[in-house]
Amino acid sequence: MPAGAIILHADLDAFYASVEQLLDPTLRGRPVAVGGSARGGVVLAASYEARRCGVSGGMPGWQALRLCPTIRFVRGHFSEYQRLADDVMDVLYDQTPAVERISIDEAFL
């Protein structure tokens, strides 16, 4: 790496939950969990509002509901996540060709 080079890590935090709030305005400002349910399953992503209640990704849905009784569980729109993440990556590629995408919502520049 050249002297003085800078590496940037871009991470779209709470991305799935944020996309759900973008797609459904009634979810904005409310605690949201992508995946999971009151009966089971695992939370894939939690909105910032849900995180303030202690909900996190990887948590069982029943536990998320116990921590945050007003949480809304959504199934997810994975094709929308991919489309919007690709749009963000295009913005990064506009800045530099040296983009190393490491997941749907993360890259190094």
N, C-alpha and C. Protein backbone atom coordinates (compact mmCIF):
# COMPACT_ATOMS: atom_id res chain seq x y z
N MET A 1 0.84 -1.17 0.00
CA MET A 1 0.00 0.00 0.00
C MET A 1 0.89 1.24 0.00
N PRO A 2 0.57 2.20 -0.83
CA PRO A 2 1.38 3.42 -0.89
C PRO A 2 1.33 4.19 0.43
N ALA A 3 2.44 4.88 0.72
CA ALA A 3 2.48 5.71 1.93
C ALA A 3 1.38 6.76 1.86
N GLY A 4 0.71 6.97 2.97
CA GLY A 4 -0.36 7.95 3.04
C GLY A 4 -1.70 7.47 2.51
N ALA A 5 -1.74 6.21 2.06
CA ALA A 5 -3.01 5.68 1.56
C ALA A 5 -4.01 5.53 2.71
N ILE A 6 -5.25 5.69 2.39
CA ILE A 6 -6.32 5.57 3.38
C ILE A 6 -7.28 4.48 2.92
N ILE A 7 -7.69 3.63 3.86
CA ILE A 7 -8.69 2.61 3.58
C ILE A 7 -9.97 3.00 4.32
N LEU A 8 -11.07 2.98 3.62
CA LEU A 8 -12.37 3.31 4.20
C LEU A 8 -13.23 2.05 4.23
N HIS A 9 -13.86 1.80 5.36
CA HIS A 9 -14.82 0.70 5.47
C HIS A 9 -16.22 1.32 5.46
N ALA A 10 -17.01 0.99 4.44
CA ALA A 10 -18.38 1.48 4.34
C ALA A 10 -19.32 0.36 4.76
N ASP A 11 -20.15 0.61 5.76
CA ASP A 11 -21.09 -0.39 6.28
C ASP A 11 -22.45 0.27 6.42
N LEU A 12 -23.43 -0.24 5.72
CA LEU A 12 -24.79 0.30 5.79
C LEU A 12 -25.48 -0.35 6.98
N ASP A 13 -25.29 0.23 8.14
CA ASP A 13 -25.77 -0.33 9.40
C ASP A 13 -27.30 -0.39 9.43
N ALA A 14 -27.84 -1.48 9.97
CA ALA A 14 -29.30 -1.69 10.07
C ALA A 14 -29.95 -1.60 8.69
N PHE A 15 -29.24 -2.02 7.67
CA PHE A 15 -29.67 -1.81 6.29
C PHE A 15 -31.02 -2.43 5.99
N TYR A 16 -31.21 -3.72 6.29
CA TYR A 16 -32.47 -4.38 5.95
C TYR A 16 -33.64 -3.68 6.63
N ALA A 17 -33.49 -3.36 7.90
CA ALA A 17 -34.57 -2.69 8.63
C ALA A 17 -34.82 -1.29 8.08
N SER A 18 -33.76 -0.59 7.71
CA SER A 18 -33.91 0.75 7.14
C SER A 18 -34.63 0.70 5.80
N VAL A 19 -34.34 -0.31 4.99
CA VAL A 19 -35.03 -0.46 3.71
C VAL A 19 -36.52 -0.72 3.96
N GLU A 20 -36.83 -1.55 4.92
CA GLU A 20 -38.24 -1.81 5.24
C GLU A 20 -38.95 -0.53 5.64
N GLN A 21 -38.29 0.32 6.41
CA GLN A 21 -38.89 1.60 6.81
C GLN A 21 -39.02 2.54 5.61
N LEU A 22 -38.12 2.43 4.65
CA LEU A 22 -38.22 3.22 3.43
C LEU A 22 -39.41 2.76 2.59
N LEU A 23 -39.59 1.45 2.48
CA LEU A 23 -40.65 0.88 1.65
C LEU A 23 -42.04 1.06 2.26
N ASP A 24 -42.12 1.04 3.58
CA ASP A 24 -43.40 1.15 4.28
C ASP A 24 -43.33 2.30 5.28
N PRO A 25 -43.82 3.46 4.91
CA PRO A 25 -43.73 4.63 5.79
C PRO A 25 -44.37 4.43 7.16
N THR A 26 -45.31 3.50 7.30
CA THR A 26 -45.92 3.27 8.62
C THR A 26 -44.94 2.65 9.60
N LEU A 27 -43.81 2.14 9.11
CA LEU A 27 -42.80 1.54 9.99
C LEU A 27 -41.78 2.56 10.49
N ARG A 28 -41.76 3.73 9.89
CA ARG A 28 -40.76 4.75 10.26
C ARG A 28 -40.96 5.19 11.71
N GLY A 29 -39.86 5.23 12.44
CA GLY A 29 -39.90 5.65 13.83
C GLY A 29 -40.39 4.58 14.78
N ARG A 30 -40.65 3.39 14.26
CA ARG A 30 -41.14 2.29 15.08
C ARG A 30 -40.08 1.19 15.15
N PRO A 31 -40.10 0.37 16.21
CA PRO A 31 -39.17 -0.75 16.28
C PRO A 31 -39.56 -1.84 15.27
N VAL A 32 -38.59 -2.23 14.44
CA VAL A 32 -38.82 -3.19 13.37
C VAL A 32 -37.76 -4.27 13.44
N ALA A 33 -38.19 -5.52 13.21
CA ALA A 33 -37.26 -6.64 13.08
C ALA A 33 -37.53 -7.33 11.76
N VAL A 34 -36.49 -7.51 10.98
CA VAL A 34 -36.59 -8.29 9.75
C VAL A 34 -36.29 -9.73 10.12
N GLY A 35 -37.23 -10.62 9.77
CA GLY A 35 -37.10 -12.02 10.16
C GLY A 35 -37.64 -12.23 11.56
N GLY A 36 -37.69 -13.49 11.93
CA GLY A 36 -38.20 -13.82 13.25
C GLY A 36 -39.70 -13.60 13.34
N SER A 37 -40.26 -13.99 14.45
CA SER A 37 -41.67 -13.77 14.74
C SER A 37 -41.86 -13.96 16.24
N ALA A 38 -43.06 -13.69 16.70
CA ALA A 38 -43.35 -13.86 18.12
C ALA A 38 -43.22 -15.32 18.55
N ARG A 39 -43.40 -16.24 17.60
CA ARG A 39 -43.36 -17.67 17.91
C ARG A 39 -42.00 -18.31 17.70
N GLY A 40 -41.12 -17.65 16.98
CA GLY A 40 -39.83 -18.27 16.74
C GLY A 40 -39.06 -17.57 15.64
N GLY A 41 -38.09 -18.28 15.11
CA GLY A 41 -37.24 -17.69 14.09
C GLY A 41 -36.22 -16.76 14.70
N VAL A 42 -35.39 -16.22 13.85
CA VAL A 42 -34.28 -15.38 14.29
C VAL A 42 -34.37 -14.02 13.62
N VAL A 43 -34.11 -12.98 14.38
CA VAL A 43 -34.06 -11.62 13.85
C VAL A 43 -32.82 -11.48 12.98
N LEU A 44 -33.00 -11.12 11.71
CA LEU A 44 -31.87 -10.89 10.82
C LEU A 44 -31.30 -9.49 11.00
N ALA A 45 -32.20 -8.52 11.19
CA ALA A 45 -31.78 -7.13 11.36
C ALA A 45 -32.80 -6.41 12.22
N ALA A 46 -32.32 -5.49 13.02
CA ALA A 46 -33.18 -4.69 13.89
C ALA A 46 -32.99 -3.21 13.58
N SER A 47 -34.09 -2.48 13.57
CA SER A 47 -34.01 -1.03 13.36
C SER A 47 -33.37 -0.38 14.58
N TYR A 48 -32.97 0.86 14.41
CA TYR A 48 -32.38 1.59 15.54
C TYR A 48 -33.37 1.69 16.69
N GLU A 49 -34.64 1.85 16.37
CA GLU A 49 -35.66 1.93 17.42
C GLU A 49 -35.73 0.62 18.20
N ALA A 50 -35.62 -0.51 17.51
CA ALA A 50 -35.62 -1.81 18.19
C ALA A 50 -34.33 -2.02 18.97
N ARG A 51 -33.23 -1.54 18.43
CA ARG A 51 -31.95 -1.67 19.13
C ARG A 51 -31.95 -0.93 20.46
N ARG A 52 -32.65 0.20 20.51
CA ARG A 52 -32.75 0.93 21.78
C ARG A 52 -33.45 0.11 22.86
N CYS A 53 -34.26 -0.85 22.44
CA CYS A 53 -34.94 -1.75 23.40
C CYS A 53 -34.08 -2.96 23.75
N GLY A 54 -32.92 -3.10 23.09
CA GLY A 54 -32.04 -4.23 23.34
C GLY A 54 -32.12 -5.34 22.31
N VAL A 55 -32.90 -5.16 21.26
CA VAL A 55 -33.04 -6.16 20.20
C VAL A 55 -31.83 -6.09 19.29
N SER A 56 -31.35 -7.26 18.86
CA SER A 56 -30.20 -7.31 17.96
C SER A 56 -30.34 -8.47 16.99
N GLY A 57 -29.59 -8.39 15.90
CA GLY A 57 -29.57 -9.47 14.94
C GLY A 57 -29.07 -10.76 15.58
N GLY A 58 -29.64 -11.88 15.16
CA GLY A 58 -29.27 -13.18 15.71
C GLY A 58 -30.09 -13.58 16.92
N MET A 59 -30.91 -12.69 17.39
CA MET A 59 -31.73 -12.92 18.59
C MET A 59 -33.01 -13.68 18.19
N PRO A 60 -33.46 -14.61 19.02
CA PRO A 60 -34.75 -15.27 18.74
C PRO A 60 -35.90 -14.25 18.75
N GLY A 61 -36.87 -14.46 17.89
CA GLY A 61 -38.00 -13.54 17.81
C GLY A 61 -38.75 -13.39 19.12
N TRP A 62 -38.94 -14.50 19.84
CA TRP A 62 -39.66 -14.42 21.11
C TRP A 62 -38.94 -13.52 22.11
N GLN A 63 -37.62 -13.55 22.07
CA GLN A 63 -36.84 -12.71 22.98
C GLN A 63 -36.95 -11.23 22.58
N ALA A 64 -36.93 -10.98 21.27
CA ALA A 64 -37.10 -9.61 20.78
C ALA A 64 -38.45 -9.05 21.23
N LEU A 65 -39.49 -9.87 21.15
CA LEU A 65 -40.82 -9.42 21.56
C LEU A 65 -40.87 -9.16 23.06
N ARG A 66 -40.19 -9.97 23.82
CA ARG A 66 -40.16 -9.76 25.27
C ARG A 66 -39.47 -8.43 25.61
N LEU A 67 -38.38 -8.13 24.90
CA LEU A 67 -37.65 -6.88 25.14
C LEU A 67 -38.39 -5.66 24.61
N CYS A 68 -39.14 -5.87 23.56
CA CYS A 68 -39.77 -4.74 22.85
C CYS A 68 -41.19 -5.14 22.42
N PRO A 69 -42.15 -5.03 23.31
CA PRO A 69 -43.52 -5.49 23.02
C PRO A 69 -44.18 -4.83 21.81
N THR A 70 -43.70 -3.67 21.38
CA THR A 70 -44.31 -2.98 20.24
C THR A 70 -43.58 -3.26 18.92
N ILE A 71 -42.64 -4.19 18.93
CA ILE A 71 -41.85 -4.48 17.72
C ILE A 71 -42.75 -5.04 16.62
N ARG A 72 -42.44 -4.65 15.38
CA ARG A 72 -43.13 -5.20 14.21
C ARG A 72 -42.16 -6.12 13.49
N PHE A 73 -42.57 -7.36 13.28
CA PHE A 73 -41.78 -8.33 12.52
C PHE A 73 -42.20 -8.26 11.06
N VAL A 74 -41.22 -8.18 10.17
CA VAL A 74 -41.49 -8.19 8.73
C VAL A 74 -40.66 -9.29 8.08
N ARG A 75 -41.18 -9.85 7.01
CA ARG A 75 -40.52 -10.97 6.35
C ARG A 75 -39.31 -10.55 5.54
N GLY A 76 -39.35 -9.38 5.00
CA GLY A 76 -38.21 -8.90 4.23
C GLY A 76 -38.46 -8.90 2.74
N HIS A 77 -37.77 -8.02 2.06
CA HIS A 77 -37.85 -7.85 0.61
C HIS A 77 -36.42 -7.90 0.06
N PHE A 78 -35.90 -9.11 -0.08
CA PHE A 78 -34.49 -9.29 -0.39
C PHE A 78 -34.10 -8.76 -1.76
N SER A 79 -35.01 -8.81 -2.72
CA SER A 79 -34.67 -8.24 -4.03
C SER A 79 -34.51 -6.72 -3.93
N GLU A 80 -35.29 -6.08 -3.06
CA GLU A 80 -35.14 -4.64 -2.84
C GLU A 80 -33.83 -4.32 -2.13
N TYR A 81 -33.45 -5.16 -1.17
CA TYR A 81 -32.17 -4.95 -0.48
C TYR A 81 -31.03 -4.98 -1.49
N GLN A 82 -31.09 -5.97 -2.38
CA GLN A 82 -30.02 -6.11 -3.38
C GLN A 82 -30.00 -4.90 -4.31
N ARG A 83 -31.17 -4.49 -4.79
CA ARG A 83 -31.26 -3.36 -5.72
C ARG A 83 -30.72 -2.08 -5.08
N LEU A 84 -31.15 -1.79 -3.87
CA LEU A 84 -30.72 -0.56 -3.21
C LEU A 84 -29.26 -0.61 -2.80
N ALA A 85 -28.79 -1.77 -2.38
CA ALA A 85 -27.37 -1.91 -2.05
C ALA A 85 -26.51 -1.72 -3.30
N ASP A 86 -26.97 -2.25 -4.43
CA ASP A 86 -26.24 -2.05 -5.69
C ASP A 86 -26.18 -0.56 -6.04
N ASP A 87 -27.27 0.16 -5.79
CA ASP A 87 -27.27 1.61 -6.05
C ASP A 87 -26.22 2.32 -5.20
N VAL A 88 -26.12 1.93 -3.94
CA VAL A 88 -25.11 2.54 -3.05
C VAL A 88 -23.71 2.20 -3.54
N MET A 89 -23.50 0.95 -3.93
CA MET A 89 -22.18 0.55 -4.41
C MET A 89 -21.80 1.31 -5.67
N ASP A 90 -22.79 1.60 -6.53
CA ASP A 90 -22.52 2.41 -7.72
C ASP A 90 -21.99 3.78 -7.34
N VAL A 91 -22.53 4.36 -6.28
CA VAL A 91 -22.04 5.66 -5.80
C VAL A 91 -20.59 5.53 -5.35
N LEU A 92 -20.27 4.44 -4.66
CA LEU A 92 -18.88 4.22 -4.22
C LEU A 92 -17.95 4.06 -5.42
N TYR A 93 -18.39 3.28 -6.42
CA TYR A 93 -17.57 3.09 -7.62
C TYR A 93 -17.38 4.41 -8.39
N ASP A 94 -18.34 5.33 -8.27
CA ASP A 94 -18.18 6.65 -8.90
C ASP A 94 -17.03 7.43 -8.27
N GLN A 95 -16.69 7.11 -7.02
CA GLN A 95 -15.63 7.81 -6.30
C GLN A 95 -14.25 7.21 -6.57
N THR A 96 -14.21 5.88 -6.72
CA THR A 96 -12.93 5.19 -6.94
C THR A 96 -13.19 3.81 -7.53
N PRO A 97 -12.31 3.35 -8.42
CA PRO A 97 -12.47 1.98 -8.91
C PRO A 97 -11.99 0.94 -7.90
N ALA A 98 -11.34 1.41 -6.84
CA ALA A 98 -10.76 0.50 -5.84
C ALA A 98 -11.79 0.20 -4.75
N VAL A 99 -12.87 -0.47 -5.14
CA VAL A 99 -13.92 -0.88 -4.20
C VAL A 99 -13.88 -2.39 -4.08
N GLU A 100 -13.81 -2.86 -2.86
CA GLU A 100 -13.87 -4.30 -2.61
C GLU A 100 -15.13 -4.58 -1.80
N ARG A 101 -16.14 -5.07 -2.49
CA ARG A 101 -17.41 -5.37 -1.83
C ARG A 101 -17.26 -6.67 -1.06
N ILE A 102 -17.64 -6.65 0.21
CA ILE A 102 -17.47 -7.85 1.03
C ILE A 102 -18.80 -8.46 1.48
N SER A 103 -19.89 -7.76 1.27
CA SER A 103 -21.22 -8.31 1.54
C SER A 103 -22.23 -7.43 0.82
N ILE A 104 -23.50 -7.73 1.00
CA ILE A 104 -24.53 -6.95 0.32
C ILE A 104 -24.45 -5.48 0.71
N ASP A 105 -24.04 -5.20 1.95
CA ASP A 105 -24.09 -3.82 2.44
C ASP A 105 -22.77 -3.33 3.03
N GLU A 106 -21.66 -3.92 2.62
CA GLU A 106 -20.35 -3.50 3.12
C GLU A 106 -19.31 -3.52 2.01
N ALA A 107 -18.38 -2.59 2.10
CA ALA A 107 -17.28 -2.55 1.14
C ALA A 107 -16.10 -1.81 1.74
N PHE A 108 -14.93 -2.13 1.21
CA PHE A 108 -13.71 -1.38 1.51
C PHE A 108 -13.37 -0.55 0.29
N LEU A 109 -12.93 0.69 0.52
CA LEU A 109 -12.47 1.56 -0.56
C LEU A 109 -11.04 1.95 -0.26
